[in-house]
Every structure is written in C-alpha cells, then in structure tokens.
C-alpha cells in the first residue's frame, strides 16, 4: 500500500511537470524567421559517377569521359583503362 501511494504521488508530480512544460512551450513566441539564403550560395545537388578504373565517386562535372562513354576520375586512369 505504501508503494502504491508513492507511485501515485510520483505520477501526479510528473503529470503536473509535463503540463506546466507544455503550457510554457505554447506561451513562447516563435523565433523570427531566418533570412533567406543568398542566391547562388548553395549549389543544387549534382549527379555522382564512379570511376571505371578505381571506383572513386566524383561529381559528373569533374569526370573525364572515355571513348566508350565511361567516367574516369583523371586522364591517367582513362589512359590506364585503354591500355
């Protein structure tokens, strides 16, 4: 019986604490919105390709294309693959 009473007191205390916390969060004013990012500050995502020789992943804009259309990370790997 003693443990049941202690449990009931703890549950009521937790309930009151959570209720006060919820009311506090609701009464706060939301923070002002952050300014929009500068145009061009963040580049859009790029497609990633895998080097056909070593397996390194690199952006498609940086890839060196072989004669067969395969992507390579450098001209040395493109030449090594053709020999």
N, C-alpha and C. Protein backbone atom coordinates (compact mmCIF):
# COMPACT_ATOMS: atom_id res chain seq x y z
N UNK A 1 0.82 -1.18 0.00
CA UNK A 1 0.00 0.00 0.00
C UNK A 1 0.88 1.26 0.00
N UNK A 2 1.97 1.20 0.75
CA UNK A 2 2.88 2.34 0.83
C UNK A 2 3.47 2.63 -0.56
N UNK A 3 3.86 1.59 -1.29
CA UNK A 3 4.45 1.76 -2.61
C UNK A 3 3.44 2.31 -3.61
N UNK A 4 2.20 1.92 -3.49
CA UNK A 4 1.15 2.42 -4.36
C UNK A 4 0.95 3.92 -4.14
N UNK A 5 0.99 4.37 -2.91
CA UNK A 5 0.86 5.78 -2.60
C UNK A 5 2.05 6.58 -3.15
N UNK A 6 3.25 6.05 -3.00
CA UNK A 6 4.45 6.71 -3.53
C UNK A 6 4.37 6.80 -5.05
N UNK A 7 3.93 5.72 -5.70
CA UNK A 7 3.80 5.71 -7.15
C UNK A 7 2.77 6.74 -7.60
N UNK A 8 1.65 6.84 -6.87
CA UNK A 8 0.62 7.81 -7.22
C UNK A 8 1.15 9.23 -7.09
N UNK A 9 1.90 9.52 -6.06
CA UNK A 9 2.47 10.86 -5.87
C UNK A 9 3.46 11.17 -6.99
N UNK A 10 4.27 10.22 -7.35
CA UNK A 10 5.25 10.44 -8.44
C UNK A 10 4.54 10.68 -9.75
N UNK A 11 3.50 9.90 -10.05
CA UNK A 11 2.77 10.08 -11.30
C UNK A 11 2.09 11.45 -11.36
N UNK A 12 1.51 11.89 -10.26
CA UNK A 12 0.88 13.22 -10.23
C UNK A 12 1.94 14.30 -10.42
N UNK A 13 3.08 14.16 -9.80
CA UNK A 13 4.16 15.15 -9.94
C UNK A 13 4.65 15.22 -11.39
N UNK A 14 4.82 14.08 -12.02
CA UNK A 14 5.27 14.06 -13.43
C UNK A 14 4.21 14.67 -14.32
N UNK A 15 2.94 14.36 -14.05
CA UNK A 15 1.85 14.92 -14.86
C UNK A 15 1.82 16.44 -14.74
N UNK A 16 1.95 16.96 -13.52
CA UNK A 16 1.95 18.41 -13.32
C UNK A 16 3.15 19.07 -13.99
N UNK A 17 4.30 18.44 -13.89
CA UNK A 17 5.51 18.99 -14.51
C UNK A 17 5.36 19.05 -16.04
N UNK A 18 4.84 17.96 -16.63
CA UNK A 18 4.67 17.93 -18.08
C UNK A 18 3.63 18.94 -18.54
N UNK A 19 2.56 19.11 -17.75
CA UNK A 19 1.52 20.08 -18.09
C UNK A 19 2.09 21.49 -18.07
N UNK A 20 2.86 21.83 -17.06
CA UNK A 20 3.47 23.16 -16.97
C UNK A 20 4.46 23.37 -18.11
N UNK A 21 5.19 22.34 -18.43
CA UNK A 21 6.17 22.43 -19.54
C UNK A 21 5.47 22.68 -20.86
N UNK A 22 4.36 21.97 -21.09
CA UNK A 22 3.60 22.14 -22.33
C UNK A 22 3.06 23.56 -22.43
N UNK A 23 2.51 24.08 -21.33
CA UNK A 23 1.98 25.44 -21.33
C UNK A 23 3.08 26.46 -21.57
N UNK A 24 4.26 26.22 -21.00
CA UNK A 24 5.38 27.13 -21.20
C UNK A 24 5.80 27.15 -22.66
N UNK A 25 5.85 26.00 -23.29
CA UNK A 25 6.26 25.94 -24.70
C UNK A 25 5.23 26.61 -25.60
N UNK A 26 3.95 26.46 -25.27
CA UNK A 26 2.91 27.08 -26.08
C UNK A 26 2.87 28.59 -25.91
N UNK A 27 3.24 29.09 -24.74
CA UNK A 27 3.19 30.53 -24.50
C UNK A 27 4.38 31.27 -25.10
N UNK A 28 5.43 30.56 -25.41
CA UNK A 28 6.59 31.22 -26.02
C UNK A 28 6.24 31.72 -27.41
N UNK A 29 6.82 32.84 -27.77
CA UNK A 29 6.65 33.33 -29.14
C UNK A 29 7.65 32.62 -30.03
N UNK A 30 7.26 32.27 -31.23
CA UNK A 30 8.21 31.58 -32.11
C UNK A 30 9.35 32.51 -32.48
N UNK A 31 10.54 31.96 -32.72
CA UNK A 31 11.68 32.81 -33.09
C UNK A 31 11.42 33.44 -34.46
N UNK A 32 12.00 34.60 -34.70
CA UNK A 32 11.80 35.24 -36.01
C UNK A 32 12.37 34.35 -37.11
N UNK A 33 11.75 34.36 -38.27
CA UNK A 33 12.25 33.51 -39.35
C UNK A 33 13.65 33.93 -39.77
N UNK A 34 14.45 32.96 -40.11
CA UNK A 34 15.81 33.26 -40.55
C UNK A 34 15.76 33.88 -41.94
N UNK A 35 16.72 34.73 -42.24
CA UNK A 35 16.71 35.37 -43.57
C UNK A 35 16.93 34.32 -44.65
N UNK A 36 16.36 34.54 -45.82
CA UNK A 36 16.55 33.57 -46.90
C UNK A 36 18.01 33.53 -47.33
N UNK A 37 18.47 32.38 -47.78
CA UNK A 37 19.88 32.30 -48.21
C UNK A 37 20.12 33.17 -49.44
N UNK A 38 21.34 33.63 -49.54
CA UNK A 38 21.71 34.45 -50.68
C UNK A 38 21.59 33.63 -51.96
N UNK A 39 21.17 34.25 -53.05
CA UNK A 39 21.04 33.49 -54.30
C UNK A 39 22.39 32.93 -54.73
N UNK A 40 22.39 31.67 -55.07
CA UNK A 40 23.61 31.02 -55.52
C UNK A 40 24.54 30.59 -54.42
N UNK A 41 24.15 30.77 -53.16
CA UNK A 41 25.03 30.40 -52.05
C UNK A 41 25.15 28.89 -51.92
N UNK A 42 24.07 28.18 -52.18
CA UNK A 42 24.09 26.73 -52.08
C UNK A 42 23.82 26.16 -53.46
N UNK A 43 24.75 25.39 -53.92
CA UNK A 43 24.61 24.80 -55.25
C UNK A 43 23.62 23.63 -55.21
N UNK A 44 22.90 23.42 -56.28
CA UNK A 44 21.99 22.28 -56.31
C UNK A 44 22.78 20.97 -56.31
N UNK A 45 22.18 19.87 -55.90
CA UNK A 45 22.90 18.60 -55.88
C UNK A 45 23.33 18.18 -57.28
N UNK A 46 24.45 17.50 -57.34
CA UNK A 46 24.98 17.04 -58.62
C UNK A 46 24.95 15.52 -58.67
N UNK A 47 24.88 15.01 -59.87
CA UNK A 47 24.93 13.56 -60.06
C UNK A 47 26.36 13.09 -59.77
N UNK A 48 26.47 11.96 -59.08
CA UNK A 48 27.78 11.40 -58.76
C UNK A 48 28.02 10.20 -59.67
N UNK A 49 29.23 10.09 -60.17
CA UNK A 49 29.63 8.98 -61.03
C UNK A 49 30.77 8.22 -60.39
N UNK A 50 30.94 6.98 -60.80
CA UNK A 50 32.01 6.14 -60.27
C UNK A 50 33.08 5.97 -61.33
N UNK A 51 34.32 6.14 -60.92
CA UNK A 51 35.44 5.95 -61.85
C UNK A 51 35.47 4.49 -62.27
N UNK A 52 35.57 4.26 -63.56
CA UNK A 52 35.57 2.89 -64.09
C UNK A 52 36.87 2.17 -63.76
N UNK A 53 37.91 2.88 -63.36
CA UNK A 53 39.19 2.25 -63.08
C UNK A 53 39.38 1.97 -61.58
N UNK A 54 39.17 2.98 -60.73
CA UNK A 54 39.46 2.81 -59.31
C UNK A 54 38.22 2.78 -58.42
N UNK A 55 37.06 3.16 -58.94
CA UNK A 55 35.84 3.11 -58.16
C UNK A 55 35.56 4.36 -57.34
N UNK A 56 36.37 5.40 -57.47
CA UNK A 56 36.17 6.64 -56.74
C UNK A 56 34.90 7.33 -57.24
N UNK A 57 34.08 7.83 -56.31
CA UNK A 57 32.88 8.57 -56.68
C UNK A 57 33.23 10.05 -56.80
N UNK A 58 32.79 10.69 -57.88
CA UNK A 58 33.08 12.09 -58.11
C UNK A 58 31.92 12.75 -58.82
N UNK A 59 31.79 14.08 -58.73
CA UNK A 59 30.70 14.77 -59.42
C UNK A 59 30.81 14.59 -60.93
N UNK A 60 29.66 14.53 -61.58
CA UNK A 60 29.64 14.32 -63.03
C UNK A 60 30.37 15.44 -63.77
N UNK A 61 30.34 16.66 -63.24
CA UNK A 61 31.00 17.79 -63.89
C UNK A 61 32.52 17.63 -63.88
N UNK A 62 33.08 16.89 -62.91
CA UNK A 62 34.53 16.71 -62.82
C UNK A 62 35.03 15.45 -63.51
N UNK A 63 34.13 14.63 -64.00
CA UNK A 63 34.53 13.35 -64.58
C UNK A 63 35.16 13.54 -65.96
N UNK A 64 36.13 12.67 -66.27
CA UNK A 64 36.76 12.64 -67.59
C UNK A 64 36.13 11.46 -68.32
N UNK A 65 35.57 11.72 -69.47
CA UNK A 65 34.87 10.67 -70.23
C UNK A 65 35.84 9.94 -71.16
N UNK A 66 35.66 8.64 -71.22
CA UNK A 66 36.44 7.84 -72.14
C UNK A 66 35.75 7.74 -73.49
N UNK A 67 36.39 7.08 -74.44
CA UNK A 67 35.81 6.95 -75.77
C UNK A 67 34.54 6.09 -75.75
N UNK A 68 34.46 5.18 -74.81
CA UNK A 68 33.29 4.32 -74.71
C UNK A 68 32.19 4.95 -73.85
N UNK A 69 32.40 6.18 -73.34
CA UNK A 69 31.41 6.87 -72.53
C UNK A 69 31.56 6.62 -71.03
N UNK A 70 32.52 5.79 -70.64
CA UNK A 70 32.74 5.52 -69.22
C UNK A 70 33.34 6.75 -68.54
N UNK A 71 33.07 6.89 -67.26
CA UNK A 71 33.57 8.03 -66.50
C UNK A 71 34.83 7.64 -65.74
N UNK A 72 35.82 8.54 -65.73
CA UNK A 72 37.08 8.33 -65.03
C UNK A 72 37.37 9.55 -64.17
N UNK A 73 38.15 9.37 -63.09
CA UNK A 73 38.47 10.48 -62.20
C UNK A 73 39.64 11.31 -62.73
N UNK A 74 40.45 10.78 -63.62
CA UNK A 74 41.58 11.53 -64.17
C UNK A 74 41.93 10.99 -65.54
N UNK A 75 42.73 11.76 -66.25
CA UNK A 75 43.16 11.30 -67.58
C UNK A 75 44.09 10.10 -67.45
N UNK A 76 44.85 10.03 -66.35
CA UNK A 76 45.75 8.89 -66.15
C UNK A 76 44.94 7.59 -66.03
N UNK A 77 43.83 7.62 -65.34
CA UNK A 77 43.01 6.42 -65.21
C UNK A 77 42.30 6.10 -66.51
N UNK A 78 41.95 7.12 -67.28
CA UNK A 78 41.34 6.87 -68.59
C UNK A 78 42.35 6.20 -69.51
N UNK A 79 43.60 6.67 -69.47
CA UNK A 79 44.63 6.07 -70.31
C UNK A 79 44.98 4.68 -69.84
N UNK A 80 45.00 4.45 -68.52
CA UNK A 80 45.33 3.12 -67.98
C UNK A 80 44.25 2.10 -68.34
N UNK A 81 43.04 2.53 -68.46
CA UNK A 81 41.95 1.61 -68.80
C UNK A 81 41.97 1.22 -70.27
N UNK A 82 42.50 2.09 -71.14
CA UNK A 82 42.53 1.78 -72.57
C UNK A 82 43.73 0.92 -72.95
N UNK A 83 44.73 0.86 -72.08
CA UNK A 83 45.93 0.07 -72.41
C UNK A 83 45.85 -1.30 -71.85
